[in-house]
Amino acid sequence: FRNVNNRVYKLACTGKERRTEMIFIKSIYKSYNNGKTEVLRDVSLSIDDGEFAVILGASGSGKSTLMNVMSGLEKADKGEITVNGSNLNAMTDKQLTEFRKNYVGFVFQQYYLLPHLSVASNIKLGADLAKNNDFDEIIQALGLADKLNKHPSELSGGEQQRVCIARALAKKPRILFLDEPTGALDEKTGREVLDCIMKQKEKLGFTMVMVTHNQNIAETAQKVILMNSGKIVDIRANKTQKTAYEIGW
């Protein structure tokens, strides 16, 4: 991956990097059923490197499809999708697979853990993709150290979701995509999982994009992208970010 037009540069005297665009989308369209079902219509947005963005909308608004095309899971029918300077729409299927393997982590509402593998082996699947042998700190941070020999069926929903997060973070992703990661959890567990995700994002500094229908969760993000009927109807910045324990549920 290359810098976008070399726009990342060090600020004099501070030693800090100025943010640049990680994701840039322009005039994206996406439909299914041979064009009969239009899901995304003229969607444009940008997300900065290191930013936490929430895509908010009701069921059927197109938010998950938008996440899928910006993460390389699906191709848009037309338009531009640039991630850190690389055009996803110009990539072959093989190149998209490599992109997802090397640069992207995913956490979904469904856990997608392999039931016959232990917690340790499920997490190692993510680490192996990045040839990462040092992920003990992530296991400790997510409170999984005493669960490593258990199988998914022996864990609660919140514990399984933490394993999913650990597996995604063990890849050392540049971007973490999350689709309703607390949707199947009760309030107490949902807050714990959201708090855990946010703390890891703050510590590791990756870009994070979360899809949700929960307006309260949107208060934890830096940028909120509101969708309706396949279009972005509003983009706003939160002046302050609330923690997982400050929002309503």
Foldseek 3Di string as FASTA:
>chain_A
DAAAVPPWDADPPPRDTDKDWQKWWFQFWAADPVRPGTQAGGATDTDIQLFEEEEAEDPSLNSVVVVCCQLLVDPTPDTFIAGRRDTSNPDDNVVSVLSCLQAEFEAELDLPFDQVAFLQVSLVVLLVSQVHPDLVVLCVLLVNPVRRRPGPVVDDSLVSSSSSVSSRCSSVHLEYEYEPSCVVDDLVSSLVSQLSVVVVSVVSRHYYYYYDNDPQQSLQGQKYFYGGRNYTPDIDGRPDGDHSVPTDD
